[in-house]
Protein backbone atom coordinates (compact mmCIF):
# COMPACT_ATOMS: atom_id res chain seq x y z
CA UNK A 1 4.71 20.15 -11.81
CA UNK A 2 0.85 20.24 -11.71
CA UNK A 3 -0.65 17.23 -10.34
CA UNK A 4 -4.33 16.78 -10.75
CA UNK A 5 -6.19 14.81 -8.69
CA UNK A 6 -9.89 13.24 -8.97
CA UNK A 7 -11.45 12.69 -5.05
CA UNK A 8 -13.61 10.74 -3.98
CA UNK A 9 -15.37 10.05 -0.41
CA UNK A 10 -14.96 6.75 0.94
CA UNK A 11 -17.06 5.03 3.66
CA UNK A 12 -16.92 1.36 2.88
CA UNK A 13 -14.26 -0.79 3.13
CA UNK A 14 -12.41 -3.26 4.93
CA UNK A 15 -8.30 -3.46 5.03
CA UNK A 16 -7.64 0.12 5.69
CA UNK A 17 -9.87 2.04 8.01
CA UNK A 18 -9.89 5.36 8.00
CA UNK A 19 -11.78 8.34 9.76
CA UNK A 20 -12.76 11.08 7.52
CA UNK A 21 -11.76 14.15 10.22
CA UNK A 22 -8.39 12.59 10.16
CA UNK A 23 -5.81 15.36 10.28
CA UNK A 24 -1.74 15.46 9.52
CA UNK A 25 -1.60 16.41 13.24
CA UNK A 26 -4.18 13.26 14.48
CA UNK A 27 -2.23 10.79 12.22
CA UNK A 28 0.23 8.46 13.05
CA UNK A 29 3.74 8.63 12.52
CA UNK A 30 5.84 5.75 11.36
CA UNK A 31 9.06 4.93 12.35
CA UNK A 32 11.79 4.19 9.73
CA UNK A 33 13.33 1.96 8.51
CA UNK A 34 11.72 -1.20 9.65
CA UNK A 35 14.96 -3.04 10.97
CA UNK A 36 13.85 -6.28 9.39
CA UNK A 37 13.55 -5.19 5.74
CA UNK A 38 16.45 -3.77 4.04
CA UNK A 39 16.15 -0.51 1.85
CA UNK A 40 16.40 -0.23 -1.72
CA UNK A 41 19.00 2.33 -3.17
CA UNK A 42 17.90 3.77 -6.38
CA UNK A 43 18.24 2.90 -9.26
CA UNK A 44 15.88 -0.23 -9.32
CA UNK A 45 15.23 -0.06 -12.74
CA UNK A 46 12.16 0.97 -12.05
CA UNK A 47 10.38 4.31 -10.35
CA UNK A 48 7.81 2.10 -8.57
CA UNK A 49 7.46 0.21 -5.46
CA UNK A 50 10.39 -2.80 -6.68
CA UNK A 51 9.55 -6.42 -6.47
CA UNK A 52 12.67 -6.84 -3.71
CA UNK A 53 11.40 -5.22 -1.29
CA UNK A 54 8.21 -6.09 -1.45
CA UNK A 55 9.24 -9.98 -1.10
CA UNK A 56 11.20 -8.75 1.98
CA UNK A 57 7.93 -6.88 3.36
CA UNK A 58 6.36 -9.94 2.55
CA UNK A 59 8.44 -12.11 4.82
CA UNK A 60 8.70 -9.91 7.39
CA UNK A 61 4.69 -9.28 7.61
CA UNK A 62 3.41 -12.98 7.14
CA UNK A 63 5.44 -14.43 10.17
CA UNK A 64 3.93 -12.25 12.24
CA UNK A 65 0.52 -13.98 14.59
CA UNK A 66 -2.27 -14.00 12.74
CA UNK A 67 -1.19 -12.31 9.64
CA UNK A 68 -2.04 -15.89 7.25
CA UNK A 69 -4.67 -16.95 9.80
CA UNK A 70 -7.68 -17.73 7.49
CA UNK A 71 -10.88 -19.89 8.19
CA UNK A 72 -10.68 -22.65 5.85
CA UNK A 73 -14.55 -23.38 5.42
CA UNK A 74 -15.52 -19.89 5.11
CA UNK A 75 -12.61 -18.50 3.21
CA UNK A 76 -13.31 -15.19 6.11
CA UNK A 77 -10.68 -13.75 8.77
CA UNK A 78 -11.21 -15.23 12.40
CA UNK A 79 -12.03 -12.59 14.74
CA UNK A 80 -9.83 -12.47 17.24
CA UNK A 81 -6.96 -14.58 15.81
CA UNK A 82 -6.43 -13.03 12.01
CA UNK A 83 -4.87 -9.85 12.42
CA UNK A 84 -3.75 -7.45 9.50
CA UNK A 85 -0.79 -5.75 9.90
CA UNK A 86 0.05 -1.70 8.25
CA UNK A 87 3.26 -0.11 6.97
CA UNK A 88 3.93 2.97 5.16
CA UNK A 89 6.33 2.99 1.89
CA UNK A 90 8.74 6.06 1.43
CA UNK A 91 11.59 7.54 -0.32
CA UNK A 92 14.87 9.21 1.70
CA UNK A 93 17.53 10.78 0.82
CA UNK A 94 18.34 13.87 -2.13
CA UNK A 95 17.43 13.69 -5.63
CA UNK A 96 20.97 11.98 -6.95
CA UNK A 97 20.48 9.32 -4.03
CA UNK A 98 17.53 7.32 -2.66
CA UNK A 99 16.28 4.90 -1.43
CA UNK A 100 13.04 3.07 -1.31
CA UNK A 101 11.97 2.30 2.92
CA UNK A 102 9.22 0.80 5.34
CA UNK A 103 8.28 1.82 8.42
CA UNK A 104 7.79 -0.36 11.03
CA UNK A 105 4.12 -1.72 10.96
CA UNK A 106 1.09 -1.46 13.33
CA UNK A 107 -1.05 -3.70 14.84
CA UNK A 108 -5.20 -4.41 13.43
CA UNK A 109 -7.85 -6.83 13.69
CA UNK A 110 -8.99 -9.43 11.63
CA UNK A 111 -10.14 -6.68 8.90
CA UNK A 112 -8.72 -3.47 9.19
CA UNK A 113 -5.53 -1.54 9.88
CA UNK A 114 -4.59 1.90 9.67
CA UNK A 115 -1.66 3.02 7.66
CA UNK A 116 0.66 6.01 8.98
CA UNK A 117 0.23 8.89 6.91
CA UNK A 118 3.54 10.41 8.29
CA UNK A 119 7.33 9.01 8.86
CA UNK A 120 9.82 9.60 11.29
CA UNK A 121 13.36 8.30 9.38
CA UNK A 122 16.18 7.82 11.40
CA UNK A 123 18.63 9.09 8.48
CA UNK A 124 17.18 11.84 7.09
CA UNK A 125 15.14 15.17 8.17
CA UNK A 126 11.23 15.31 7.12
CA UNK A 127 12.46 17.20 3.96
CA UNK A 128 14.33 14.49 2.54
CA UNK A 129 11.56 11.97 3.11
CA UNK A 130 8.68 11.12 0.94
CA UNK A 131 5.44 8.86 1.32
CA UNK A 132 4.90 6.64 -1.58
CA UNK A 133 2.14 3.95 -0.34
CA UNK A 134 1.27 1.49 1.95
CA UNK A 135 1.48 -1.75 2.33
CA UNK A 136 -0.60 -4.88 4.20
CA UNK A 137 -1.32 -8.49 4.84
CA UNK A 138 -4.93 -9.55 3.91
CA UNK A 139 -5.00 -13.50 5.93
CA UNK A 140 -7.36 -15.08 3.32
CA UNK A 141 -5.57 -13.39 0.20
CA UNK A 142 -8.48 -11.19 -0.99
CA UNK A 143 -7.52 -8.43 -3.53
CA UNK A 144 -7.64 -4.30 -2.82
CA UNK A 145 -11.02 -3.30 -0.72
CA UNK A 146 -12.44 -0.10 -1.82
CA UNK A 147 -10.65 1.62 1.48
CA UNK A 148 -7.58 0.30 0.02
CA UNK A 149 -7.84 1.50 -3.26
CA UNK A 150 -9.08 4.76 -2.07
CA UNK A 151 -5.83 5.44 0.79
CA UNK A 152 -3.51 7.45 -0.62
CA UNK A 153 -0.97 10.18 0.60
CA UNK A 154 -1.65 14.17 -0.45
CA UNK A 155 0.16 17.17 -0.72
CA UNK A 156 -1.58 18.27 2.75
CA UNK A 157 -0.73 14.67 4.17
CA UNK A 158 -4.38 13.90 3.81
CA UNK A 159 -5.06 10.33 3.20
CA UNK A 160 -8.51 10.40 3.52
CA UNK A 161 -8.97 10.74 -0.87
CA UNK A 162 -9.38 7.98 -3.34
CA UNK A 163 -7.76 8.24 -6.51
CA UNK A 164 -5.95 10.12 -8.79
CA UNK A 165 -5.50 10.68 -12.47
CA UNK A 166 -1.26 10.54 -12.30
CA UNK A 167 0.89 8.17 -10.48
CA UNK A 168 3.35 10.51 -9.47
CA UNK A 169 4.17 11.15 -5.55
CA UNK A 170 2.88 14.74 -4.48
CA UNK A 171 5.28 17.06 -3.06
CA UNK A 172 6.05 17.02 0.35
CA UNK A 173 7.62 19.45 0.54
CA UNK A 174 8.31 19.42 -3.29
CA UNK A 175 7.70 16.56 -5.76
CA UNK A 176 10.11 13.20 -5.17
CA UNK A 177 12.09 12.17 -8.14
CA UNK A 178 15.40 10.24 -8.88
CA UNK A 179 18.02 12.21 -11.27
CA UNK A 180 14.97 14.06 -12.61
CA UNK A 181 12.52 10.84 -12.49
CA UNK A 182 9.70 11.19 -11.22
CA UNK A 183 8.77 8.61 -8.49
CA UNK A 184 5.36 6.98 -8.91
CA UNK A 185 2.96 6.57 -5.98
CA UNK A 186 1.93 2.55 -5.20
CA UNK A 187 0.81 0.32 -2.32
CA UNK A 188 0.97 -3.22 -1.95
CA UNK A 189 -1.12 -6.18 -0.73
CA UNK A 190 0.70 -9.64 0.74
CA UNK A 191 -0.80 -12.97 1.56
CA UNK A 192 0.04 -16.49 2.02
CA UNK A 193 -2.75 -19.01 0.79
CA UNK A 194 -3.65 -22.39 2.78
CA UNK A 195 -1.33 -24.07 0.18
CA UNK A 196 1.40 -21.98 0.94
CA UNK A 197 1.00 -19.53 -2.51
CA UNK A 198 2.75 -16.28 -1.75
CA UNK A 199 0.38 -13.42 -3.39
CA UNK A 200 2.32 -10.10 -3.91
CA UNK A 201 -0.22 -7.39 -5.42
CA UNK A 202 0.43 -3.83 -6.42
CA UNK A 203 -2.18 -1.13 -7.37
CA UNK A 204 -2.08 2.49 -8.08
CA UNK A 205 -3.77 5.52 -7.58
CA UNK A 206 -5.06 5.20 -11.23
CA UNK A 207 -6.90 2.17 -10.16
CA UNK A 208 -4.67 -0.48 -12.04
CA UNK A 209 -4.12 -3.69 -10.41
CA UNK A 210 -1.05 -5.74 -11.01
CA UNK A 211 0.52 -9.37 -9.21
CA UNK A 212 3.35 -10.70 -9.33
CA UNK A 213 4.16 -13.34 -10.98
CA UNK A 214 7.54 -15.29 -10.24
CA UNK A 215 6.50 -17.77 -13.52
CA UNK A 216 7.14 -14.74 -15.73
CA UNK A 217 9.63 -12.68 -13.32
CA UNK A 218 7.69 -9.73 -13.60
CA UNK A 219 4.00 -7.64 -12.73
CA UNK A 220 0.71 -9.18 -14.55
CA UNK A 221 -2.20 -6.81 -15.07
CA UNK A 222 -5.32 -7.89 -13.12
CA UNK A 223 -7.43 -5.15 -14.12
CA UNK A 224 -8.35 -1.78 -13.06
CA UNK A 225 -11.20 -0.52 -9.98
CA UNK A 226 -12.01 2.62 -8.44
CA UNK A 227 -14.34 2.35 -4.74
CA UNK A 228 -17.65 2.05 -4.24
CA UNK A 229 -19.38 5.06 -4.31
CA UNK A 230 -20.52 6.87 -1.29
CA UNK A 231 -24.21 5.97 -2.16
CA UNK A 232 -23.54 2.41 -2.81
CA UNK A 233 -23.94 0.31 -0.11
CA UNK A 234 -21.88 -2.73 -1.88
CA UNK A 235 -18.61 -3.26 -0.16
CA UNK A 236 -16.50 -4.12 -2.76
CA UNK A 237 -14.84 -1.89 -5.73
CA UNK A 238 -16.19 -1.17 -9.07
CA UNK A 239 -14.33 -2.81 -11.62
CA UNK A 240 -13.51 -3.40 -15.61
CA UNK A 241 -13.72 -6.72 -14.99
CA UNK A 242 -13.35 -8.77 -11.91
CA UNK A 243 -9.63 -9.41 -10.57
CA UNK A 244 -8.55 -13.01 -10.80
CA UNK A 245 -5.61 -14.04 -8.74
CA UNK A 246 -2.82 -15.86 -10.45
CA UNK A 247 -2.48 -19.63 -9.32
CA UNK A 248 1.10 -20.48 -10.11
């Protein structure tokens, strides 16, 4: 299957901080599956990240030191205390038996973390592992940054790309599919606000951002955003309309 990608080079953003000269050899290799997060077997009724996996990831990430630390006055992360953690989502198995999995997390700082760009799974060889996207926490519950929206796996395992015109997972070594149904790329962001409200977002390489609504038991679209251009001094993404988090 031929995938067409539109690449935008990014130099700004906060949550996932990347270097333009990163290569697959230099990238960290994540170990999976993470023992604290159970794998989710296909089928899930959806070809992208299932909410059950995201809820388990949120539970595991947000109990880590500093993952929820936010200055209540400024609404900004606290240097030396607030901490972002990154993991990588992937699917593993064969085309008739796949499972959603996540790597053990890596610790960042108060405003950034670098996700794993390749995965070594304990149960499957590299030929049966497909990186789907990334997940991290925002201590202050903000929406995705420019770098968040621009970080996606590619055929060459080069994460330093931006938006894609399609959602399908690129081939590594061949496009991922489950019983001839293509698997979609999606990343996620999790947070817990001062009042205890849990925020779970998933976003796609097309720029669409969705938030899980416990009240509706479904995903609610928040709009479409793209990373700021390289010539822009604005760190926030360019959006069809400012995404407003649900308060339930």
